[in-house]
Amino acid sequence: MDLVVPCNSCTPLNRQTPLHPRLSSPKRGAFSLRCRRKTTSELQSPVTAISPNGNPFPSIPTHKVTVHDRKLGVVHEFVVPEDQYILHTAEAQNITLPFACRHGCCTSCAVRVKSGQIRQPEALGISAELKEKGYALLCVGFPSSDVEVETQDEDEVYWLQFGRYFARGPIERDDYALELALGDE
């Protein structure tokens, strides 16, 4: 079964003046660029982007991504172009993975890389130290090779990231102190 999914990098989100004048249509400020990805089941076939004149663009390298979802106990395998975020490509194929902010600022989509490489220049929610230990964020991660990852518990990654700042461990709720504080107001 072939699915046709518009390419996020080629389909404009809003009508803008094109970057290249040959891509413009007769209407001023409006243009269209045909780009379709052909997929079969959950595993994608290579990307085929088509230019306005009908000729294919050079092929973008793709990589097989295997995600072991610990919470759901399932394994997802799909192919991601090197220039696309792993989370976005999974969602385009109706694969549900954990996420929250979509901007690389939290740890909801954090994974532990078991094999392969993920490039994540925009991953602000994870420290360089954790990146070196093999953690990555799917929402802003690009595959650099075939990669196998395992989802992580958000609280676990958050603790690894910020736990050292809480000298004696996690902060415990103190109802008596809260009652005193509310009584002062």
C-alpha atoms as a PDB file:
ATOM      1  CA  MET A   1       0.000   0.000   0.000  1.00  0.00           C
ATOM      2  CA  ASP A   2       1.541   3.329  -1.031  1.00  0.00           C
ATOM      3  CA  LEU A   3       0.886   6.399   1.068  1.00  0.00           C
ATOM      4  CA  VAL A   4       1.582   9.880  -0.258  1.00  0.00           C
ATOM      5  CA  VAL A   5       2.670  12.413   2.352  1.00  0.00           C
ATOM      6  CA  PRO A   6       3.527  16.035   1.550  1.00  0.00           C
ATOM      7  CA  CYS A   7       7.090  16.970   2.412  1.00  0.00           C
ATOM      8  CA  ASN A   8       7.276  19.549   5.220  1.00  0.00           C
ATOM      9  CA  SER A   9      10.456  21.068   3.831  1.00  0.00           C
ATOM     10  CA  CYS A  10       8.974  21.639   0.371  1.00  0.00           C
ATOM     11  CA  THR A  11       5.353  22.489   1.145  1.00  0.00           C
ATOM     12  CA  PRO A  12       5.082  26.119   2.234  1.00  0.00           C
ATOM     13  CA  LEU A  13       3.253  26.677   5.523  1.00  0.00           C
ATOM     14  CA  ASN A  14       1.899  29.952   4.230  1.00  0.00           C
ATOM     15  CA  ARG A  15       2.024  31.687   0.906  1.00  0.00           C
ATOM     16  CA  GLN A  16       5.226  33.655   0.586  1.00  0.00           C
ATOM     17  CA  THR A  17       7.319  35.044  -2.211  1.00  0.00           C
ATOM     18  CA  PRO A  18       9.448  32.157  -3.464  1.00  0.00           C
ATOM     19  CA  LEU A  19      13.160  32.113  -2.856  1.00  0.00           C
ATOM     20  CA  HIS A  20      13.756  31.171  -6.460  1.00  0.00           C
ATOM     21  CA  PRO A  21      11.932  33.126  -9.195  1.00  0.00           C
ATOM     22  CA  ARG A  22      11.472  30.061 -11.458  1.00  0.00           C
ATOM     23  CA  LEU A  23       9.290  28.492  -8.766  1.00  0.00           C
ATOM     24  CA  SER A  24       6.691  31.261  -8.908  1.00  0.00           C
ATOM     25  CA  SER A  25       3.334  30.866 -10.574  1.00  0.00           C
ATOM     26  CA  PRO A  26       1.418  33.485 -12.601  1.00  0.00           C
ATOM     27  CA  LYS A  27      -0.146  34.842  -9.403  1.00  0.00           C
ATOM     28  CA  ARG A  28       2.219  37.180  -7.639  1.00  0.00           C
ATOM     29  CA  GLY A  29       3.470  35.852  -4.295  1.00  0.00           C
ATOM     30  CA  ALA A  30       1.914  32.407  -4.710  1.00  0.00           C
ATOM     31  CA  PHE A  31       3.710  29.250  -5.764  1.00  0.00           C
ATOM     32  CA  SER A  32       3.469  25.529  -5.409  1.00  0.00           C
ATOM     33  CA  LEU A  33       6.135  22.888  -5.223  1.00  0.00           C
ATOM     34  CA  ARG A  34       5.153  19.269  -5.750  1.00  0.00           C
ATOM     35  CA  CYS A  35       6.895  16.883  -3.425  1.00  0.00           C
ATOM     36  CA  ARG A  36       5.623  13.474  -2.386  1.00  0.00           C
ATOM     37  CA  ARG A  37       7.100  10.718  -0.272  1.00  0.00           C
ATOM     38  CA  LYS A  38       6.111   7.175  -1.119  1.00  0.00           C
ATOM     39  CA  THR A  39       5.839   4.858   1.846  1.00  0.00           C
ATOM     40  CA  THR A  40       4.962   1.242   2.287  1.00  0.00           C
ATOM     41  CA  SER A  41       3.545   0.144   5.620  1.00  0.00           C
ATOM     42  CA  GLU A  42       5.609   1.507   8.481  1.00  0.00           C
ATOM     43  CA  LEU A  43       8.919   1.266   6.594  1.00  0.00           C
ATOM     44  CA  GLN A  44       9.416   4.072   4.079  1.00  0.00           C
ATOM     45  CA  SER A  45      10.969   3.580   0.706  1.00  0.00           C
ATOM     46  CA  PRO A  46      13.550   6.146  -0.442  1.00  0.00           C
ATOM     47  CA  VAL A  47      12.418   9.754  -0.684  1.00  0.00           C
ATOM     48  CA  THR A  48      11.340  10.952  -4.105  1.00  0.00           C
ATOM     49  CA  ALA A  49      11.059  14.727  -4.365  1.00  0.00           C
ATOM     50  CA  ILE A  50       9.767  16.086  -7.667  1.00  0.00           C
ATOM     51  CA  SER A  51      10.641  19.544  -8.991  1.00  0.00           C
ATOM     52  CA  PRO A  52       8.024  21.747 -10.730  1.00  0.00           C
ATOM     53  CA  ASN A  53       9.276  20.634 -14.163  1.00  0.00           C
ATOM     54  CA  GLY A  54       8.724  16.969 -13.248  1.00  0.00           C
ATOM     55  CA  ASN A  55      12.365  15.962 -12.780  1.00  0.00           C
ATOM     56  CA  PRO A  56      13.332  14.304  -9.495  1.00  0.00           C
ATOM     57  CA  PHE A  57      15.580  16.199  -7.081  1.00  0.00           C
ATOM     58  CA  PRO A  58      18.760  14.429  -5.961  1.00  0.00           C
ATOM     59  CA  SER A  59      17.913  11.711  -3.442  1.00  0.00           C
ATOM     60  CA  ILE A  60      18.270  12.622   0.214  1.00  0.00           C
ATOM     61  CA  PRO A  61      19.952   9.885   2.273  1.00  0.00           C
ATOM     62  CA  THR A  62      17.577   8.013   4.573  1.00  0.00           C
ATOM     63  CA  HIS A  63      18.216   5.919   7.657  1.00  0.00           C
ATOM     64  CA  LYS A  64      16.293   3.159   9.384  1.00  0.00           C
ATOM     65  CA  VAL A  65      15.171   4.222  12.872  1.00  0.00           C
ATOM     66  CA  THR A  66      14.130   1.607  15.433  1.00  0.00           C
ATOM     67  CA  VAL A  67      12.366   2.908  18.551  1.00  0.00           C
ATOM     68  CA  HIS A  68      11.774   0.598  21.511  1.00  0.00           C
ATOM     69  CA  ASP A  69       8.872   2.210  23.412  1.00  0.00           C
ATOM     70  CA  ARG A  70       9.361   0.962  26.976  1.00  0.00           C
ATOM     71  CA  LYS A  71       6.074   2.399  28.261  1.00  0.00           C
ATOM     72  CA  LEU A  72       3.885   0.744  25.597  1.00  0.00           C
ATOM     73  CA  GLY A  73       6.097  -2.313  25.093  1.00  0.00           C
ATOM     74  CA  VAL A  74       6.200  -1.929  21.304  1.00  0.00           C
ATOM     75  CA  VAL A  75       8.948  -1.528  18.731  1.00  0.00           C
ATOM     76  CA  HIS A  76       8.572   0.892  15.795  1.00  0.00           C
ATOM     77  CA  GLU A  77      10.746   0.692  12.679  1.00  0.00           C
ATOM     78  CA  PHE A  78      10.603   3.408  10.049  1.00  0.00           C
ATOM     79  CA  VAL A  79      12.869   5.271   7.655  1.00  0.00           C
ATOM     80  CA  VAL A  80      13.753   8.933   8.208  1.00  0.00           C
ATOM     81  CA  PRO A  81      15.436  11.270   5.706  1.00  0.00           C
ATOM     82  CA  GLU A  82      18.668  12.752   7.038  1.00  0.00           C
ATOM     83  CA  ASP A  83      17.206  16.268   6.867  1.00  0.00           C
ATOM     84  CA  GLN A  84      13.981  15.514   8.798  1.00  0.00           C
ATOM     85  CA  TYR A  85      13.279  15.317  12.525  1.00  0.00           C
ATOM     86  CA  ILE A  86      12.690  11.771  13.743  1.00  0.00           C
ATOM     87  CA  LEU A  87       9.516  12.674  15.684  1.00  0.00           C
ATOM     88  CA  HIS A  88       7.920  14.553  12.768  1.00  0.00           C
ATOM     89  CA  THR A  89       8.599  11.729  10.329  1.00  0.00           C
ATOM     90  CA  ALA A  90       7.157   9.172  12.762  1.00  0.00           C
ATOM     91  CA  GLU A  91       4.007  11.262  13.190  1.00  0.00           C
ATOM     92  CA  ALA A  92       3.622  11.588   9.418  1.00  0.00           C
ATOM     93  CA  GLN A  93       3.438   7.781   9.366  1.00  0.00           C
ATOM     94  CA  ASN A  94       0.884   7.616  12.218  1.00  0.00           C
ATOM     95  CA  ILE A  95       3.466   6.359  14.717  1.00  0.00           C
ATOM     96  CA  THR A  96       2.823   7.703  18.207  1.00  0.00           C
ATOM     97  CA  LEU A  97       5.926   8.554  20.225  1.00  0.00           C
ATOM     98  CA  PRO A  98       6.156  10.558  23.462  1.00  0.00           C
ATOM     99  CA  PHE A  99       6.616  14.341  23.167  1.00  0.00           C
ATOM    100  CA  ALA A 100       5.572  17.614  24.807  1.00  0.00           C
ATOM    101  CA  CYS A 101       7.249  20.846  23.703  1.00  0.00           C
ATOM    102  CA  ARG A 102       8.428  19.854  20.159  1.00  0.00           C
ATOM    103  CA  HIS A 103      11.273  22.395  20.462  1.00  0.00           C
ATOM    104  CA  GLY A 104      14.022  20.443  22.239  1.00  0.00           C
ATOM    105  CA  CYS A 105      13.479  22.173  25.581  1.00  0.00           C
ATOM    106  CA  CYS A 106      11.991  19.404  27.740  1.00  0.00           C
ATOM    107  CA  THR A 107      12.806  15.731  28.231  1.00  0.00           C
ATOM    108  CA  SER A 108       9.458  14.149  27.230  1.00  0.00           C
ATOM    109  CA  CYS A 109      10.815  12.681  23.980  1.00  0.00           C
ATOM    110  CA  ALA A 110      14.199  11.703  25.436  1.00  0.00           C
ATOM    111  CA  VAL A 111      15.680   8.417  24.291  1.00  0.00           C
ATOM    112  CA  ARG A 112      18.824   6.456  25.005  1.00  0.00           C
ATOM    113  CA  VAL A 113      20.742   5.664  21.820  1.00  0.00           C
ATOM    114  CA  LYS A 114      21.594   1.957  21.738  1.00  0.00           C
ATOM    115  CA  SER A 115      23.357   2.106  18.355  1.00  0.00           C
ATOM    116  CA  GLY A 116      23.920   4.649  15.610  1.00  0.00           C
ATOM    117  CA  GLN A 117      24.193   8.430  15.627  1.00  0.00           C
ATOM    118  CA  ILE A 118      21.640  11.239  16.075  1.00  0.00           C
ATOM    119  CA  ARG A 119      22.566  14.828  15.230  1.00  0.00           C
ATOM    120  CA  GLN A 120      20.753  17.244  17.568  1.00  0.00           C
ATOM    121  CA  PRO A 121      22.149  20.779  17.374  1.00  0.00           C
ATOM    122  CA  GLU A 122      18.942  22.324  18.772  1.00  0.00           C
ATOM    123  CA  ALA A 123      18.524  20.033  21.815  1.00  0.00           C
ATOM    124  CA  LEU A 124      18.552  22.590  24.627  1.00  0.00           C
ATOM    125  CA  GLY A 125      16.675  20.320  27.055  1.00  0.00           C
ATOM    126  CA  ILE A 126      19.534  17.890  27.376  1.00  0.00           C
ATOM    127  CA  SER A 127      23.026  18.681  28.603  1.00  0.00           C
ATOM    128  CA  ALA A 128      26.235  17.999  26.708  1.00  0.00           C
ATOM    129  CA  GLU A 129      27.092  15.503  29.437  1.00  0.00           C
ATOM    130  CA  LEU A 130      23.900  13.506  28.806  1.00  0.00           C
ATOM    131  CA  LYS A 131      24.430  13.700  25.041  1.00  0.00           C
ATOM    132  CA  GLU A 132      27.875  12.142  25.581  1.00  0.00           C
ATOM    133  CA  LYS A 133      26.216   9.383  27.632  1.00  0.00           C
ATOM    134  CA  GLY A 134      23.989   8.575  24.663  1.00  0.00           C
ATOM    135  CA  TYR A 135      20.786  10.505  25.316  1.00  0.00           C
ATOM    136  CA  ALA A 136      18.945  12.319  22.547  1.00  0.00           C
ATOM    137  CA  LEU A 137      15.681  14.172  21.880  1.00  0.00           C
ATOM    138  CA  LEU A 138      13.520  12.829  19.050  1.00  0.00           C
ATOM    139  CA  CYS A 139      11.717  16.132  18.414  1.00  0.00           C
ATOM    140  CA  VAL A 140      14.923  17.865  17.269  1.00  0.00           C
ATOM    141  CA  GLY A 141      17.013  14.828  16.352  1.00  0.00           C
ATOM    142  CA  PHE A 142      18.182  14.035  12.812  1.00  0.00           C
ATOM    143  CA  PRO A 143      19.452  10.517  12.053  1.00  0.00           C
ATOM    144  CA  SER A 144      23.067  10.461  10.852  1.00  0.00           C
ATOM    145  CA  SER A 145      23.075   6.675  10.411  1.00  0.00           C
ATOM    146  CA  ASP A 146      20.756   3.753  11.025  1.00  0.00           C
ATOM    147  CA  VAL A 147      19.833   4.172  14.665  1.00  0.00           C
ATOM    148  CA  GLU A 148      18.256   2.121  17.435  1.00  0.00           C
ATOM    149  CA  VAL A 149      16.898   3.964  20.480  1.00  0.00           C
ATOM    150  CA  GLU A 150      14.918   3.240  23.625  1.00  0.00           C
ATOM    151  CA  THR A 151      12.409   5.677  25.125  1.00  0.00           C
ATOM    152  CA  GLN A 152      13.143   6.867  28.640  1.00  0.00           C
ATOM    153  CA  ASP A 153      11.011   7.904  31.583  1.00  0.00           C
ATOM    154  CA  GLU A 154      10.832  11.709  31.531  1.00  0.00           C
ATOM    155  CA  ASP A 155      11.324  12.002  35.297  1.00  0.00           C
ATOM    156  CA  GLU A 156      14.385   9.750  35.133  1.00  0.00           C
ATOM    157  CA  VAL A 157      16.047  11.903  32.469  1.00  0.00           C
ATOM    158  CA  TYR A 158      15.021  15.097  34.259  1.00  0.00           C
ATOM    159  CA  TRP A 159      16.639  13.776  37.437  1.00  0.00           C
ATOM    160  CA  LEU A 160      19.839  12.873  35.544  1.00  0.00           C
ATOM    161  CA  GLN A 161      19.831  16.367  34.049  1.00  0.00           C
ATOM    162  CA  PHE A 162      19.049  18.433  37.152  1.00  0.00           C
ATOM    163  CA  GLY A 163      19.349  16.068  40.148  1.00  0.00           C
ATOM    164  CA  ARG A 164      22.798  17.317  41.142  1.00  0.00           C
ATOM    165  CA  TYR A 165      21.265  20.713  41.837  1.00  0.00           C
ATOM    166  CA  PHE A 166      19.145  19.187  44.595  1.00  0.00           C
ATOM    167  CA  ALA A 167      21.929  18.355  47.056  1.00  0.00           C
ATOM    168  CA  ARG A 168      19.970  15.886  49.178  1.00  0.00           C
ATOM    169  CA  GLY A 169      17.843  14.308  46.501  1.00  0.00           C
ATOM    170  CA  PRO A 170      14.356  15.153  45.298  1.00  0.00           C
ATOM    171  CA  ILE A 171      12.472  17.910  47.054  1.00  0.00           C
ATOM    172  CA  GLU A 172       9.764  16.490  49.300  1.00  0.00           C
ATOM    173  CA  ARG A 173       6.491  18.241  49.917  1.00  0.00           C
ATOM    174  CA  ASP A 174       6.217  19.816  53.379  1.00  0.00           C
ATOM    175  CA  ASP A 175       2.520  20.355  54.088  1.00  0.00           C
ATOM    176  CA  TYR A 176       3.187  22.057  57.435  1.00  0.00           C
ATOM    177  CA  ALA A 177       5.509  24.647  55.835  1.00  0.00           C
ATOM    178  CA  LEU A 178       2.972  25.191  53.063  1.00  0.00           C
ATOM    179  CA  GLU A 179       0.208  25.731  55.641  1.00  0.00           C
ATOM    180  CA  LEU A 180       2.369  28.265  57.508  1.00  0.00           C
ATOM    181  CA  ALA A 181       3.212  30.086  54.288  1.00  0.00           C
ATOM    182  CA  LEU A 182      -0.425  30.295  53.208  1.00  0.00           C
ATOM    183  CA  GLY A 183      -1.404  31.526  56.689  1.00  0.00           C
ATOM    184  CA  ASP A 184       0.932  34.525  56.315  1.00  0.00           C
ATOM    185  CA  GLU A 185      -0.923  35.832  53.276  1.00  0.00           C
END
